[in-house]
PDB file of N, CA and C in Angstrom:
ATOM      1  N   MET A   1      -2.628  -3.908   1.560  1.00  0.00           N
ATOM      2  CA  MET A   1      -2.626  -4.662   0.324  1.00  0.00           C
ATOM      3  C   MET A   1      -3.466  -3.964  -0.737  1.00  0.00           C
ATOM      4  N   LYS A   2      -4.618  -3.410  -0.311  1.00  0.00           N
ATOM      5  CA  LYS A   2      -5.477  -2.712  -1.257  1.00  0.00           C
ATOM      6  C   LYS A   2      -4.788  -1.477  -1.826  1.00  0.00           C
ATOM      7  N   VAL A   3      -4.030  -0.812  -0.968  1.00  0.00           N
ATOM      8  CA  VAL A   3      -3.336   0.392  -1.420  1.00  0.00           C
ATOM      9  C   VAL A   3      -2.285   0.035  -2.466  1.00  0.00           C
ATOM     10  N   LEU A   4      -1.591  -1.055  -2.256  1.00  0.00           N
ATOM     11  CA  LEU A   4      -0.581  -1.487  -3.220  1.00  0.00           C
ATOM     12  C   LEU A   4      -1.213  -1.853  -4.561  1.00  0.00           C
ATOM     13  N   ILE A   5      -2.319  -2.579  -4.524  1.00  0.00           N
ATOM     14  CA  ILE A   5      -3.019  -2.938  -5.765  1.00  0.00           C
ATOM     15  C   ILE A   5      -3.523  -1.683  -6.465  1.00  0.00           C
ATOM     16  N   PHE A   6      -4.078  -0.742  -5.684  1.00  0.00           N
ATOM     17  CA  PHE A   6      -4.553   0.510  -6.264  1.00  0.00           C
ATOM     18  C   PHE A   6      -3.407   1.282  -6.907  1.00  0.00           C
ATOM     19  N   PHE A   7      -2.252   1.321  -6.233  1.00  0.00           N
ATOM     20  CA  PHE A   7      -1.100   2.055  -6.765  1.00  0.00           C
ATOM     21  C   PHE A   7      -0.581   1.412  -8.053  1.00  0.00           C
ATOM     22  N   VAL A   8      -0.496   0.095  -8.076  1.00  0.00           N
ATOM     23  CA  VAL A   8      -0.034  -0.605  -9.285  1.00  0.00           C
ATOM     24  C   VAL A   8      -1.015  -0.377 -10.431  1.00  0.00           C
ATOM     25  N   ALA A   9      -2.316  -0.434 -10.137  1.00  0.00           N
ATOM     26  CA  ALA A   9      -3.319  -0.178 -11.176  1.00  0.00           C
ATOM     27  C   ALA A   9      -3.209   1.248 -11.688  1.00  0.00           C
ATOM     28  N   TRP A  10      -2.968   2.192 -10.783  1.00  0.00           N
ATOM     29  CA  TRP A  10      -2.819   3.583 -11.210  1.00  0.00           C
ATOM     30  C   TRP A  10      -1.561   3.752 -12.071  1.00  0.00           C
ATOM     31  N   CYS A  11      -0.480   3.084 -11.711  1.00  0.00           N
ATOM     32  CA  CYS A  11       0.745   3.162 -12.519  1.00  0.00           C
ATOM     33  C   CYS A  11       0.520   2.590 -13.918  1.00  0.00           C
ATOM     34  N   ILE A  12      -0.198   1.491 -14.004  1.00  0.00           N
ATOM     35  CA  ILE A  12      -0.499   0.908 -15.321  1.00  0.00           C
ATOM     36  C   ILE A  12      -1.369   1.872 -16.118  1.00  0.00           C
ATOM     37  N   LEU A  13      -2.362   2.468 -15.476  1.00  0.00           N
ATOM     38  CA  LEU A  13      -3.202   3.445 -16.151  1.00  0.00           C
ATOM     39  C   LEU A  13      -2.384   4.659 -16.572  1.00  0.00           C
ATOM     40  N   PHE A  14      -1.435   5.067 -15.751  1.00  0.00           N
ATOM     41  CA  PHE A  14      -0.577   6.209 -16.089  1.00  0.00           C
ATOM     42  C   PHE A  14       0.269   5.907 -17.322  1.00  0.00           C
ATOM     43  N   ILE A  15       0.731   4.683 -17.430  1.00  0.00           N
ATOM     44  CA  ILE A  15       1.529   4.294 -18.594  1.00  0.00           C
ATOM     45  C   ILE A  15       0.657   4.228 -19.844  1.00  0.00           C
ATOM     46  N   LEU A  16      -0.558   3.704 -19.703  1.00  0.00           N
ATOM     47  CA  LEU A  16      -1.424   3.539 -20.868  1.00  0.00           C
ATOM     48  C   LEU A  16      -2.091   4.843 -21.303  1.00  0.00           C
ATOM     49  N   CYS A  17      -2.562   5.622 -20.345  1.00  0.00           N
ATOM     50  CA  CYS A  17      -3.286   6.847 -20.680  1.00  0.00           C
ATOM     51  C   CYS A  17      -3.063   7.856 -19.560  1.00  0.00           C
ATOM     52  N   TRP A  18      -2.004   8.646 -19.662  1.00  0.00           N
ATOM     53  CA  TRP A  18      -1.644   9.532 -18.563  1.00  0.00           C
ATOM     54  C   TRP A  18      -2.658  10.643 -18.287  1.00  0.00           C
ATOM     55  N   PRO A  19      -3.383  11.189 -19.283  1.00  0.00           N
ATOM     56  CA  PRO A  19      -4.373  12.212 -18.908  1.00  0.00           C
ATOM     57  C   PRO A  19      -5.510  11.657 -18.039  1.00  0.00           C
ATOM     58  N   LEU A  20      -5.932  10.440 -18.337  1.00  0.00           N
ATOM     59  CA  LEU A  20      -6.982   9.812 -17.541  1.00  0.00           C
ATOM     60  C   LEU A  20      -6.487   9.512 -16.122  1.00  0.00           C
ATOM     61  N   ALA A  21      -5.244   9.106 -15.993  1.00  0.00           N
ATOM     62  CA  ALA A  21      -4.678   8.823 -14.669  1.00  0.00           C
ATOM     63  C   ALA A  21      -4.575  10.095 -13.839  1.00  0.00           C
ATOM     64  N   LEU A  22      -4.164  11.185 -14.459  1.00  0.00           N
ATOM     65  CA  LEU A  22      -4.086  12.448 -13.724  1.00  0.00           C
ATOM     66  C   LEU A  22      -5.476  12.965 -13.361  1.00  0.00           C
ATOM     67  N   LEU A  23      -6.439  12.762 -14.250  1.00  0.00           N
ATOM     68  CA  LEU A  23      -7.813  13.158 -13.949  1.00  0.00           C
ATOM     69  C   LEU A  23      -8.352  12.345 -12.769  1.00  0.00           C
ATOM     70  N   ALA A  24      -8.053  11.058 -12.744  1.00  0.00           N
ATOM     71  CA  ALA A  24      -8.479  10.217 -11.624  1.00  0.00           C
ATOM     72  C   ALA A  24      -7.810  10.663 -10.331  1.00  0.00           C
ATOM     73  N   LEU A  25      -6.568  11.072 -10.411  1.00  0.00           N
ATOM     74  CA  LEU A  25      -5.838  11.538  -9.235  1.00  0.00           C
ATOM     75  C   LEU A  25      -6.434  12.827  -8.685  1.00  0.00           C
ATOM     76  N   VAL A  26      -6.915  13.690  -9.567  1.00  0.00           N
ATOM     77  CA  VAL A  26      -7.510  14.955  -9.137  1.00  0.00           C
ATOM     78  C   VAL A  26      -8.944  14.746  -8.640  1.00  0.00           C
ATOM     79  N   LEU A  27      -9.693  13.856  -9.289  1.00  0.00           N
ATOM     80  CA  LEU A  27     -11.098  13.678  -8.940  1.00  0.00           C
ATOM     81  C   LEU A  27     -11.322  12.790  -7.717  1.00  0.00           C
ATOM     82  N   ALA A  28     -10.348  11.988  -7.337  1.00  0.00           N
ATOM     83  CA  ALA A  28     -10.536  11.076  -6.198  1.00  0.00           C
ATOM     84  C   ALA A  28     -10.881  11.817  -4.900  1.00  0.00           C
ATOM     85  N   PRO A  29     -10.176  12.887  -4.532  1.00  0.00           N
ATOM     86  CA  PRO A  29     -10.574  13.606  -3.304  1.00  0.00           C
ATOM     87  C   PRO A  29     -11.942  14.262  -3.424  1.00  0.00           C
ATOM     88  N   LEU A  30     -12.301  14.712  -4.615  1.00  0.00           N
ATOM     89  CA  LEU A  30     -13.608  15.333  -4.797  1.00  0.00           C
ATOM     90  C   LEU A  30     -14.727  14.312  -4.639  1.00  0.00           C
ATOM     91  N   VAL A  31     -14.533  13.117  -5.165  1.00  0.00           N
ATOM     92  CA  VAL A  31     -15.527  12.053  -5.007  1.00  0.00           C
ATOM     93  C   VAL A  31     -15.648  11.678  -3.539  1.00  0.00           C
ATOM     94  N   TRP A  32     -14.540  11.650  -2.825  1.00  0.00           N
ATOM     95  CA  TRP A  32     -14.568  11.336  -1.398  1.00  0.00           C
ATOM     96  C   TRP A  32     -15.357  12.399  -0.632  1.00  0.00           C
ATOM     97  N   LEU A  33     -15.153  13.671  -0.973  1.00  0.00           N
ATOM     98  CA  LEU A  33     -15.884  14.744  -0.304  1.00  0.00           C
ATOM     99  C   LEU A  33     -17.384  14.682  -0.589  1.00  0.00           C
ATOM    100  N   VAL A  34     -17.747  14.330  -1.811  1.00  0.00           N
ATOM    101  CA  VAL A  34     -19.163  14.228  -2.163  1.00  0.00           C
ATOM    102  C   VAL A  34     -19.807  13.036  -1.460  1.00  0.00           C
ATOM    103  N   SER A  35     -19.065  11.970  -1.247  1.00  0.00           N
ATOM    104  CA  SER A  35     -19.636  10.780  -0.618  1.00  0.00           C
ATOM    105  C   SER A  35     -19.767  10.903   0.897  1.00  0.00           C
ATOM    106  N   LEU A  36     -19.161  11.892   1.514  1.00  0.00           N
ATOM    107  CA  LEU A  36     -19.256  12.037   2.968  1.00  0.00           C
ATOM    108  C   LEU A  36     -20.695  12.220   3.466  1.00  0.00           C
ATOM    109  N   PRO A  37     -21.505  13.088   2.863  1.00  0.00           N
ATOM    110  CA  PRO A  37     -22.890  13.192   3.350  1.00  0.00           C
ATOM    111  C   PRO A  37     -23.669  11.887   3.213  1.00  0.00           C
ATOM    112  N   VAL A  38     -23.400  11.130   2.163  1.00  0.00           N
ATOM    113  CA  VAL A  38     -24.083   9.851   1.982  1.00  0.00           C
ATOM    114  C   VAL A  38     -23.694   8.893   3.102  1.00  0.00           C
ATOM    115  N   ARG A  39     -22.430   8.890   3.480  1.00  0.00           N
ATOM    116  CA  ARG A  39     -21.993   8.033   4.583  1.00  0.00           C
ATOM    117  C   ARG A  39     -22.636   8.451   5.895  1.00  0.00           C
ATOM    118  N   LEU A  40     -22.738   9.763   6.122  1.00  0.00           N
ATOM    119  CA  LEU A  40     -23.368  10.240   7.355  1.00  0.00           C
ATOM    120  C   LEU A  40     -24.841   9.860   7.412  1.00  0.00           C
ATOM    121  N   ILE A  41     -25.533   9.946   6.286  1.00  0.00           N
ATOM    122  CA  ILE A  41     -26.939   9.528   6.239  1.00  0.00           C
ATOM    123  C   ILE A  41     -27.046   8.039   6.527  1.00  0.00           C
ATOM    124  N   PHE A  42     -26.141   7.230   5.953  1.00  0.00           N
ATOM    125  CA  PHE A  42     -26.159   5.785   6.202  1.00  0.00           C
ATOM    126  C   PHE A  42     -25.936   5.488   7.678  1.00  0.00           C
ATOM    127  N   ILE A  43     -25.023   6.185   8.312  1.00  0.00           N
ATOM    128  CA  ILE A  43     -24.758   5.966   9.732  1.00  0.00           C
ATOM    129  C   ILE A  43     -25.984   6.324  10.562  1.00  0.00           C
ATOM    130  N   CYS A  44     -26.643   7.439  10.227  1.00  0.00           N
ATOM    131  CA  CYS A  44     -27.844   7.841  10.972  1.00  0.00           C
ATOM    132  C   CYS A  44     -28.986   6.854  10.789  1.00  0.00           C
ATOM    133  N   VAL A  45     -29.191   6.366   9.585  1.00  0.00           N
ATOM    134  CA  VAL A  45     -30.256   5.388   9.337  1.00  0.00           C
ATOM    135  C   VAL A  45     -29.964   4.087  10.073  1.00  0.00           C
ATOM    136  N   HIS A  46     -28.712   3.656  10.044  1.00  0.00           N
ATOM    137  CA  HIS A  46     -28.329   2.440  10.753  1.00  0.00           C
ATOM    138  C   HIS A  46     -28.567   2.594  12.258  1.00  0.00           C
ATOM    139  N   ALA A  47     -28.220   3.748  12.805  1.00  0.00           N
ATOM    140  CA  ALA A  47     -28.435   3.991  14.232  1.00  0.00           C
ATOM    141  C   ALA A  47     -29.917   4.022  14.561  1.00  0.00           C
ATOM    142  N   ALA A  48     -30.731   4.603  13.684  1.00  0.00           N
ATOM    143  CA  ALA A  48     -32.174   4.646  13.932  1.00  0.00           C
ATOM    144  C   ALA A  48     -32.763   3.236  13.937  1.00  0.00           C
ATOM    145  N   PHE A  49     -32.351   2.394  12.999  1.00  0.00           N
ATOM    146  CA  PHE A  49     -32.847   1.017  12.977  1.00  0.00           C
ATOM    147  C   PHE A  49     -32.367   0.235  14.202  1.00  0.00           C
ATOM    148  N   ALA A  50     -31.148   0.489  14.648  1.00  0.00           N
ATOM    149  CA  ALA A  50     -30.654  -0.185  15.851  1.00  0.00           C
ATOM    150  C   ALA A  50     -31.458   0.250  17.077  1.00  0.00           C
ATOM    151  N   LEU A  51     -31.829   1.525  17.132  1.00  0.00           N
ATOM    152  CA  LEU A  51     -32.643   2.011  18.238  1.00  0.00           C
ATOM    153  C   LEU A  51     -34.027   1.365  18.225  1.00  0.00           C
ATOM    154  N   VAL A  52     -34.656   1.308  17.062  1.00  0.00           N
ATOM    155  CA  VAL A  52     -35.975   0.682  16.959  1.00  0.00           C
ATOM    156  C   VAL A  52     -35.894  -0.795  17.338  1.00  0.00           C
ATOM    157  N   ARG A  53     -34.855  -1.479  16.887  1.00  0.00           N
ATOM    158  CA  ARG A  53     -34.693  -2.898  17.215  1.00  0.00           C
ATOM    159  C   ARG A  53     -34.515  -3.089  18.718  1.00  0.00           C
ATOM    160  N   SER A  54     -33.707  -2.242  19.337  1.00  0.00           N
ATOM    161  CA  SER A  54     -33.481  -2.397  20.774  1.00  0.00           C
ATOM    162  C   SER A  54     -34.745  -2.091  21.573  1.00  0.00           C
ATOM    163  N   VAL A  55     -35.536  -1.118  21.116  1.00  0.00           N
ATOM    164  CA  VAL A  55     -36.789  -0.811  21.819  1.00  0.00           C
ATOM    165  C   VAL A  55     -37.781  -1.959  21.660  1.00  0.00           C
ATOM    166  N   LEU A  56     -37.843  -2.551  20.470  1.00  0.00           N
ATOM    167  CA  LEU A  56     -38.776  -3.652  20.249  1.00  0.00           C
ATOM    168  C   LEU A  56     -38.368  -4.918  21.004  1.00  0.00           C
ATOM    169  N   LEU A  57     -37.085  -5.130  21.185  1.00  0.00           N
ATOM    170  CA  LEU A  57     -36.626  -6.331  21.869  1.00  0.00           C
ATOM    171  C   LEU A  57     -36.436  -6.144  23.375  1.00  0.00           C
ATOM    172  N   LEU A  58     -36.692  -4.932  23.871  1.00  0.00           N
ATOM    173  CA  LEU A  58     -36.498  -4.668  25.296  1.00  0.00           C
ATOM    174  C   LEU A  58     -37.382  -5.545  26.190  1.00  0.00           C
ATOM    175  N   PRO A  59     -38.675  -5.708  25.891  1.00  0.00           N
ATOM    176  CA  PRO A  59     -39.483  -6.575  26.777  1.00  0.00           C
ATOM    177  C   PRO A  59     -38.953  -8.005  26.848  1.00  0.00           C
ATOM    178  N   ALA A  60     -38.507  -8.546  25.743  1.00  0.00           N
ATOM    179  CA  ALA A  60     -37.980  -9.912  25.756  1.00  0.00           C
ATOM    180  C   ALA A  60     -36.697  -9.990  26.581  1.00  0.00           C
ATOM    181  N   ARG A  61     -35.871  -8.979  26.473  1.00  0.00           N
ATOM    182  CA  ARG A  61     -34.627  -9.002  27.255  1.00  0.00           C
ATOM    183  C   ARG A  61     -34.906  -8.837  28.746  1.00  0.00           C
ATOM    184  N   LEU A  62     -35.910  -8.060  29.068  1.00  0.00           N
ATOM    185  CA  LEU A  62     -36.269  -7.916  30.486  1.00  0.00           C
ATOM    186  C   LEU A  62     -36.802  -9.219  31.071  1.00  0.00           C
ATOM    187  N   LEU A  63     -37.421 -10.041  30.233  1.00  0.00           N
ATOM    188  CA  LEU A  63     -37.935 -11.334  30.676  1.00  0.00           C
ATOM    189  C   LEU A  63     -36.871 -12.425  30.677  1.00  0.00           C
ATOM    190  N   GLY A  64     -35.648 -12.099  30.260  1.00  0.00           N
ATOM    191  CA  GLY A  64     -34.563 -13.046  30.370  1.00  0.00           C
ATOM    192  C   GLY A  64     -34.163 -13.747  29.099  1.00  0.00           C
ATOM    193  N   TYR A  65     -34.708 -13.345  27.967  1.00  0.00           N
ATOM    194  CA  TYR A  65     -34.339 -13.987  26.689  1.00  0.00           C
ATOM    195  C   TYR A  65     -32.941 -13.556  26.296  1.00  0.00           C
ATOM    196  N   ARG A  66     -32.123 -14.538  25.924  1.00  0.00           N
ATOM    197  CA  ARG A  66     -30.788 -14.277  25.416  1.00  0.00           C
ATOM    198  C   ARG A  66     -30.665 -14.949  24.049  1.00  0.00           C
ATOM    199  N   PRO A  67     -30.252 -14.214  23.027  1.00  0.00           N
ATOM    200  CA  PRO A  67     -30.115 -14.833  21.694  1.00  0.00           C
ATOM    201  C   PRO A  67     -29.045 -15.909  21.704  1.00  0.00           C
ATOM    202  N   ALA A  68     -29.264 -16.952  20.902  1.00  0.00           N
ATOM    203  CA  ALA A  68     -28.296 -18.054  20.787  1.00  0.00           C
ATOM    204  C   ALA A  68     -27.055 -17.565  20.057  1.00  0.00           C
ATOM    205  N   LYS A  69     -25.904 -18.024  20.515  1.00  0.00           N
ATOM    206  CA  LYS A  69     -24.648 -17.595  19.897  1.00  0.00           C
ATOM    207  C   LYS A  69     -24.179 -18.576  18.861  1.00  0.00           C
TER     208      LYS A  69
END
């Protein structure tokens, strides 16, 4: 559904201002490539926080604590 909305928006932009639409079409892969390192950093930070959380909660889990669902 998102792809269809994006395509319709791009078609409207192409009709209204075709140079801007073509520029967006060319720059989209470049923006995706630039954002990859940021995503990798986010994944590493998230994993580090999950590790710290699991280490801090390990004694409670060993004693039998189970979080409420």
